[in-house]
Amino acid sequence: MNIRTTTIRLPGPTAEALEVVARADNQSVSEAVRQAVVEHIRARRSDPEFQRSLDHLLESQREVFERLADL
């Protein structure tokens, strides 16, 4: 598995709450964040408006790659 490191900055109270939640769930803060990110991605995938936005993004990027191929 390809692992990347990402740094996030949280307000103090949010970071403290995250630490408490992770401890209560008997998991690391990193695991709690990974789980939240996966859940967020799943939720976005099921949102039709997000799907339209994603389709638009993919189409615009396709045009960029096609222009690069012509250089």
PDB file of N, CA and C in Angstrom:
ATOM      1  N   MET A   1       0.845  -1.180   0.000  1.00  0.00           N
ATOM      2  CA  MET A   1       0.000   0.000   0.000  1.00  0.00           C
ATOM      3  C   MET A   1       0.888   1.239   0.000  1.00  0.00           C
ATOM      4  N   ASN A   2       0.570   2.183  -0.843  1.00  0.00           N
ATOM      5  CA  ASN A   2       1.283   3.449  -0.916  1.00  0.00           C
ATOM      6  C   ASN A   2       0.735   4.377   0.165  1.00  0.00           C
ATOM      7  N   ILE A   3       1.573   4.732   1.128  1.00  0.00           N
ATOM      8  CA  ILE A   3       1.148   5.597   2.236  1.00  0.00           C
ATOM      9  C   ILE A   3       1.741   6.978   2.046  1.00  0.00           C
ATOM     10  N   ARG A   4       0.939   7.994   2.225  1.00  0.00           N
ATOM     11  CA  ARG A   4       1.397   9.386   2.167  1.00  0.00           C
ATOM     12  C   ARG A   4       1.151  10.037   3.509  1.00  0.00           C
ATOM     13  N   THR A   5       1.990  10.970   3.823  1.00  0.00           N
ATOM     14  CA  THR A   5       1.826  11.730   5.055  1.00  0.00           C
ATOM     15  C   THR A   5       1.177  13.062   4.721  1.00  0.00           C
ATOM     16  N   THR A   6       0.147  13.407   5.465  1.00  0.00           N
ATOM     17  CA  THR A   6      -0.552  14.669   5.288  1.00  0.00           C
ATOM     18  C   THR A   6      -0.638  15.357   6.641  1.00  0.00           C
ATOM     19  N   THR A   7      -0.366  16.630   6.648  1.00  0.00           N
ATOM     20  CA  THR A   7      -0.454  17.402   7.885  1.00  0.00           C
ATOM     21  C   THR A   7      -1.718  18.244   7.843  1.00  0.00           C
ATOM     22  N   ILE A   8      -2.465  18.233   8.917  1.00  0.00           N
ATOM     23  CA  ILE A   8      -3.639  19.105   9.012  1.00  0.00           C
ATOM     24  C   ILE A   8      -3.468  19.998  10.237  1.00  0.00           C
ATOM     25  N   ARG A   9      -4.006  21.167  10.160  1.00  0.00           N
ATOM     26  CA  ARG A   9      -3.977  22.097  11.280  1.00  0.00           C
ATOM     27  C   ARG A   9      -5.403  22.215  11.811  1.00  0.00           C
ATOM     28  N   LEU A  10      -5.560  21.943  13.074  1.00  0.00           N
ATOM     29  CA  LEU A  10      -6.875  22.007  13.709  1.00  0.00           C
ATOM     30  C   LEU A  10      -6.841  23.016  14.841  1.00  0.00           C
ATOM     31  N   PRO A  11      -7.944  23.694  15.059  1.00  0.00           N
ATOM     32  CA  PRO A  11      -8.022  24.542  16.246  1.00  0.00           C
ATOM     33  C   PRO A  11      -7.849  23.665  17.492  1.00  0.00           C
ATOM     34  N   GLY A  12      -7.271  24.235  18.530  1.00  0.00           N
ATOM     35  CA  GLY A  12      -7.009  23.482  19.751  1.00  0.00           C
ATOM     36  C   GLY A  12      -8.187  22.674  20.258  1.00  0.00           C
ATOM     37  N   PRO A  13      -9.352  23.292  20.417  1.00  0.00           N
ATOM     38  CA  PRO A  13     -10.496  22.524  20.934  1.00  0.00           C
ATOM     39  C   PRO A  13     -10.897  21.355  20.039  1.00  0.00           C
ATOM     40  N   THR A  14     -10.768  21.530  18.723  1.00  0.00           N
ATOM     41  CA  THR A  14     -11.095  20.448  17.805  1.00  0.00           C
ATOM     42  C   THR A  14     -10.094  19.314  17.937  1.00  0.00           C
ATOM     43  N   ALA A  15      -8.814  19.657  18.019  1.00  0.00           N
ATOM     44  CA  ALA A  15      -7.776  18.636  18.186  1.00  0.00           C
ATOM     45  C   ALA A  15      -7.970  17.875  19.492  1.00  0.00           C
ATOM     46  N   GLU A  16      -8.299  18.593  20.544  1.00  0.00           N
ATOM     47  CA  GLU A  16      -8.532  17.937  21.838  1.00  0.00           C
ATOM     48  C   GLU A  16      -9.736  17.008  21.768  1.00  0.00           C
ATOM     49  N   ALA A  17     -10.802  17.461  21.120  1.00  0.00           N
ATOM     50  CA  ALA A  17     -11.998  16.621  20.980  1.00  0.00           C
ATOM     51  C   ALA A  17     -11.678  15.381  20.163  1.00  0.00           C
ATOM     52  N   LEU A  18     -10.895  15.543  19.093  1.00  0.00           N
ATOM     53  CA  LEU A  18     -10.507  14.405  18.273  1.00  0.00           C
ATOM     54  C   LEU A  18      -9.707  13.394  19.085  1.00  0.00           C
ATOM     55  N   GLU A  19      -8.797  13.870  19.902  1.00  0.00           N
ATOM     56  CA  GLU A  19      -8.007  12.978  20.758  1.00  0.00           C
ATOM     57  C   GLU A  19      -8.899  12.194  21.708  1.00  0.00           C
ATOM     58  N   VAL A  20      -9.889  12.855  22.296  1.00  0.00           N
ATOM     59  CA  VAL A  20     -10.802  12.188  23.221  1.00  0.00           C
ATOM     60  C   VAL A  20     -11.637  11.141  22.478  1.00  0.00           C
ATOM     61  N   VAL A  21     -12.153  11.524  21.322  1.00  0.00           N
ATOM     62  CA  VAL A  21     -12.963  10.585  20.533  1.00  0.00           C
ATOM     63  C   VAL A  21     -12.132   9.368  20.148  1.00  0.00           C
ATOM     64  N   ALA A  22     -10.918   9.599  19.688  1.00  0.00           N
ATOM     65  CA  ALA A  22     -10.050   8.488  19.290  1.00  0.00           C
ATOM     66  C   ALA A  22      -9.773   7.582  20.484  1.00  0.00           C
ATOM     67  N   ARG A  23      -9.457   8.181  21.626  1.00  0.00           N
ATOM     68  CA  ARG A  23      -9.186   7.383  22.817  1.00  0.00           C
ATOM     69  C   ARG A  23     -10.409   6.570  23.219  1.00  0.00           C
ATOM     70  N   ALA A  24     -11.584   7.191  23.173  1.00  0.00           N
ATOM     71  CA  ALA A  24     -12.824   6.496  23.551  1.00  0.00           C
ATOM     72  C   ALA A  24     -13.119   5.345  22.589  1.00  0.00           C
ATOM     73  N   ASP A  25     -12.726   5.510  21.327  1.00  0.00           N
ATOM     74  CA  ASP A  25     -12.921   4.449  20.328  1.00  0.00           C
ATOM     75  C   ASP A  25     -11.753   3.472  20.303  1.00  0.00           C
ATOM     76  N   ASN A  26     -10.815   3.668  21.228  1.00  0.00           N
ATOM     77  CA  ASN A  26      -9.640   2.798  21.335  1.00  0.00           C
ATOM     78  C   ASN A  26      -8.865   2.734  20.018  1.00  0.00           C
ATOM     79  N   GLN A  27      -8.614   3.913  19.447  1.00  0.00           N
ATOM     80  CA  GLN A  27      -7.844   3.993  18.218  1.00  0.00           C
ATOM     81  C   GLN A  27      -6.944   5.224  18.271  1.00  0.00           C
ATOM     82  N   SER A  28      -5.978   5.253  17.382  1.00  0.00           N
ATOM     83  CA  SER A  28      -5.095   6.408  17.303  1.00  0.00           C
ATOM     84  C   SER A  28      -5.822   7.568  16.629  1.00  0.00           C
ATOM     85  N   VAL A  29      -5.301   8.758  16.845  1.00  0.00           N
ATOM     86  CA  VAL A  29      -5.849   9.925  16.158  1.00  0.00           C
ATOM     87  C   VAL A  29      -5.706   9.733  14.648  1.00  0.00           C
ATOM     88  N   SER A  30      -4.571   9.196  14.220  1.00  0.00           N
ATOM     89  CA  SER A  30      -4.368   8.955  12.785  1.00  0.00           C
ATOM     90  C   SER A  30      -5.445   8.038  12.217  1.00  0.00           C
ATOM     91  N   GLU A  31      -5.756   6.971  12.937  1.00  0.00           N
ATOM     92  CA  GLU A  31      -6.779   6.039  12.460  1.00  0.00           C
ATOM     93  C   GLU A  31      -8.153   6.711  12.447  1.00  0.00           C
ATOM     94  N   ALA A  32      -8.446   7.519  13.447  1.00  0.00           N
ATOM     95  CA  ALA A  32      -9.730   8.230  13.482  1.00  0.00           C
ATOM     96  C   ALA A  32      -9.850   9.172  12.286  1.00  0.00           C
ATOM     97  N   VAL A  33      -8.765   9.863  11.950  1.00  0.00           N
ATOM     98  CA  VAL A  33      -8.776  10.770  10.803  1.00  0.00           C
ATOM     99  C   VAL A  33      -8.918   9.985   9.508  1.00  0.00           C
ATOM    100  N   ARG A  34      -8.160   8.882   9.372  1.00  0.00           N
ATOM    101  CA  ARG A  34      -8.289   8.047   8.156  1.00  0.00           C
ATOM    102  C   ARG A  34      -9.723   7.581   7.977  1.00  0.00           C
ATOM    103  N   GLN A  35     -10.338   7.125   9.056  1.00  0.00           N
ATOM    104  CA  GLN A  35     -11.717   6.637   8.988  1.00  0.00           C
ATOM    105  C   GLN A  35     -12.662   7.768   8.571  1.00  0.00           C
ATOM    106  N   ALA A  36     -12.464   8.941   9.140  1.00  0.00           N
ATOM    107  CA  ALA A  36     -13.324  10.080   8.796  1.00  0.00           C
ATOM    108  C   ALA A  36     -13.161  10.477   7.329  1.00  0.00           C
ATOM    109  N   VAL A  37     -11.941  10.426   6.833  1.00  0.00           N
ATOM    110  CA  VAL A  37     -11.697  10.777   5.435  1.00  0.00           C
ATOM    111  C   VAL A  37     -12.366   9.772   4.506  1.00  0.00           C
ATOM    112  N   VAL A  38     -12.239   8.496   4.810  1.00  0.00           N
ATOM    113  CA  VAL A  38     -12.883   7.463   3.988  1.00  0.00           C
ATOM    114  C   VAL A  38     -14.398   7.662   3.998  1.00  0.00           C
ATOM    115  N   GLU A  39     -14.978   7.931   5.145  1.00  0.00           N
ATOM    116  CA  GLU A  39     -16.424   8.157   5.233  1.00  0.00           C
ATOM    117  C   GLU A  39     -16.830   9.394   4.441  1.00  0.00           C
ATOM    118  N   HIS A  40     -16.002  10.436   4.485  1.00  0.00           N
ATOM    119  CA  HIS A  40     -16.298  11.657   3.733  1.00  0.00           C
ATOM    120  C   HIS A  40     -16.282  11.374   2.230  1.00  0.00           C
ATOM    121  N   ILE A  41     -15.273  10.641   1.775  1.00  0.00           N
ATOM    122  CA  ILE A  41     -15.185  10.296   0.353  1.00  0.00           C
ATOM    123  C   ILE A  41     -16.395   9.479  -0.076  1.00  0.00           C
ATOM    124  N   ARG A  42     -16.781   8.501   0.725  1.00  0.00           N
ATOM    125  CA  ARG A  42     -17.966   7.683   0.392  1.00  0.00           C
ATOM    126  C   ARG A  42     -19.219   8.545   0.297  1.00  0.00           C
ATOM    127  N   ALA A  43     -19.378   9.474   1.238  1.00  0.00           N
ATOM    128  CA  ALA A  43     -20.553  10.347   1.218  1.00  0.00           C
ATOM    129  C   ALA A  43     -20.556  11.223  -0.023  1.00  0.00           C
ATOM    130  N   ARG A  44     -19.398  11.752  -0.395  1.00  0.00           N
ATOM    131  CA  ARG A  44     -19.324  12.613  -1.573  1.00  0.00           C
ATOM    132  C   ARG A  44     -19.627  11.830  -2.843  1.00  0.00           C
ATOM    133  N   ARG A  45     -19.151  10.598  -2.914  1.00  0.00           N
ATOM    134  CA  ARG A  45     -19.395   9.784  -4.109  1.00  0.00           C
ATOM    135  C   ARG A  45     -20.880   9.560  -4.357  1.00  0.00           C
ATOM    136  N   SER A  46     -21.663   9.523  -3.309  1.00  0.00           N
ATOM    137  CA  SER A  46     -23.092   9.257  -3.473  1.00  0.00           C
ATOM    138  C   SER A  46     -23.907  10.534  -3.697  1.00  0.00           C
ATOM    139  N   ASP A  47     -23.267  11.683  -3.728  1.00  0.00           N
ATOM    140  CA  ASP A  47     -23.944  12.963  -3.917  1.00  0.00           C
ATOM    141  C   ASP A  47     -23.995  13.291  -5.415  1.00  0.00           C
ATOM    142  N   PRO A  48     -25.204  13.373  -5.996  1.00  0.00           N
ATOM    143  CA  PRO A  48     -25.315  13.644  -7.445  1.00  0.00           C
ATOM    144  C   PRO A  48     -24.666  14.966  -7.855  1.00  0.00           C
ATOM    145  N   GLU A  49     -24.776  15.988  -7.030  1.00  0.00           N
ATOM    146  CA  GLU A  49     -24.157  17.281  -7.363  1.00  0.00           C
ATOM    147  C   GLU A  49     -22.634  17.139  -7.414  1.00  0.00           C
ATOM    148  N   PHE A  50     -22.082  16.384  -6.489  1.00  0.00           N
ATOM    149  CA  PHE A  50     -20.644  16.135  -6.509  1.00  0.00           C
ATOM    150  C   PHE A  50     -20.258  15.361  -7.760  1.00  0.00           C
ATOM    151  N   GLN A  51     -21.056  14.398  -8.154  1.00  0.00           N
ATOM    152  CA  GLN A  51     -20.775  13.615  -9.358  1.00  0.00           C
ATOM    153  C   GLN A  51     -20.733  14.518 -10.589  1.00  0.00           C
ATOM    154  N   ARG A  52     -21.669  15.468 -10.665  1.00  0.00           N
ATOM    155  CA  ARG A  52     -21.665  16.407 -11.790  1.00  0.00           C
ATOM    156  C   ARG A  52     -20.399  17.258 -11.755  1.00  0.00           C
ATOM    157  N   SER A  53     -20.032  17.714 -10.582  1.00  0.00           N
ATOM    158  CA  SER A  53     -18.816  18.517 -10.434  1.00  0.00           C
ATOM    159  C   SER A  53     -17.582  17.707 -10.824  1.00  0.00           C
ATOM    160  N   LEU A  54     -17.541  16.462 -10.407  1.00  0.00           N
ATOM    161  CA  LEU A  54     -16.422  15.585 -10.735  1.00  0.00           C
ATOM    162  C   LEU A  54     -16.343  15.345 -12.238  1.00  0.00           C
ATOM    163  N   ASP A  55     -17.487  15.115 -12.877  1.00  0.00           N
ATOM    164  CA  ASP A  55     -17.511  14.931 -14.329  1.00  0.00           C
ATOM    165  C   ASP A  55     -16.960  16.169 -15.039  1.00  0.00           C
ATOM    166  N   HIS A  56     -17.369  17.346 -14.562  1.00  0.00           N
ATOM    167  CA  HIS A  56     -16.883  18.601 -15.146  1.00  0.00           C
ATOM    168  C   HIS A  56     -15.371  18.717 -14.962  1.00  0.00           C
ATOM    169  N   LEU A  57     -14.875  18.400 -13.781  1.00  0.00           N
ATOM    170  CA  LEU A  57     -13.441  18.459 -13.511  1.00  0.00           C
ATOM    171  C   LEU A  57     -12.676  17.506 -14.414  1.00  0.00           C
ATOM    172  N   LEU A  58     -13.156  16.292 -14.529  1.00  0.00           N
ATOM    173  CA  LEU A  58     -12.488  15.313 -15.384  1.00  0.00           C
ATOM    174  C   LEU A  58     -12.455  15.781 -16.837  1.00  0.00           C
ATOM    175  N   GLU A  59     -13.552  16.328 -17.305  1.00  0.00           N
ATOM    176  CA  GLU A  59     -13.610  16.805 -18.682  1.00  0.00           C
ATOM    177  C   GLU A  59     -12.639  17.963 -18.895  1.00  0.00           C
ATOM    178  N   SER A  60     -12.574  18.888 -17.960  1.00  0.00           N
ATOM    179  CA  SER A  60     -11.656  20.015 -18.115  1.00  0.00           C
ATOM    180  C   SER A  60     -10.205  19.538 -18.077  1.00  0.00           C
ATOM    181  N   GLN A  61      -9.895  18.553 -17.260  1.00  0.00           N
ATOM    182  CA  GLN A  61      -8.533  18.029 -17.204  1.00  0.00           C
ATOM    183  C   GLN A  61      -8.197  17.255 -18.467  1.00  0.00           C
ATOM    184  N   ARG A  62      -9.159  16.587 -19.039  1.00  0.00           N
ATOM    185  CA  ARG A  62      -8.944  15.856 -20.288  1.00  0.00           C
ATOM    186  C   ARG A  62      -8.494  16.829 -21.371  1.00  0.00           C
ATOM    187  N   GLU A  63      -9.139  17.983 -21.409  1.00  0.00           N
ATOM    188  CA  GLU A  63      -8.775  18.991 -22.399  1.00  0.00           C
ATOM    189  C   GLU A  63      -7.336  19.459 -22.191  1.00  0.00           C
ATOM    190  N   VAL A  64      -6.916  19.616 -20.958  1.00  0.00           N
ATOM    191  CA  VAL A  64      -5.543  20.033 -20.662  1.00  0.00           C
ATOM    192  C   VAL A  64      -4.565  18.976 -21.148  1.00  0.00           C
ATOM    193  N   PHE A  65      -4.843  17.712 -20.857  1.00  0.00           N
ATOM    194  CA  PHE A  65      -3.952  16.634 -21.293  1.00  0.00           C
ATOM    195  C   PHE A  65      -3.897  16.535 -22.822  1.00  0.00           C
ATOM    196  N   GLU A  66      -5.020  16.749 -23.461  1.00  0.00           N
ATOM    197  CA  GLU A  66      -5.010  16.711 -24.930  1.00  0.00           C
ATOM    198  C   GLU A  66      -4.163  17.840 -25.502  1.00  0.00           C
ATOM    199  N   ARG A  67      -4.243  19.028 -24.903  1.00  0.00           N
ATOM    200  CA  ARG A  67      -3.407  20.146 -25.362  1.00  0.00           C
ATOM    201  C   ARG A  67      -1.936  19.848 -25.129  1.00  0.00           C
ATOM    202  N   LEU A  68      -1.620  19.246 -23.987  1.00  0.00           N
ATOM    203  CA  LEU A  68      -0.219  18.889 -23.707  1.00  0.00           C
ATOM    204  C   LEU A  68       0.302  17.867 -24.703  1.00  0.00           C
ATOM    205  N   ALA A  69      -0.549  16.932 -25.089  1.00  0.00           N
ATOM    206  CA  ALA A  69      -0.123  15.911 -26.053  1.00  0.00           C
ATOM    207  C   ALA A  69       0.191  16.525 -27.404  1.00  0.00           C
ATOM    208  N   ASP A  70      -0.448  17.664 -27.730  1.00  0.00           N
ATOM    209  CA  ASP A  70      -0.226  18.310 -29.010  1.00  0.00           C
ATOM    210  C   ASP A  70       1.013  19.198 -29.033  1.00  0.00           C
ATOM    211  N   LEU A  71       1.625  19.442 -27.897  1.00  0.00           N
ATOM    212  CA  LEU A  71       2.807  20.325 -27.854  1.00  0.00           C
ATOM    213  C   LEU A  71       4.024  19.663 -28.434  1.00  0.00           C
TER     214      LEU A  71
END
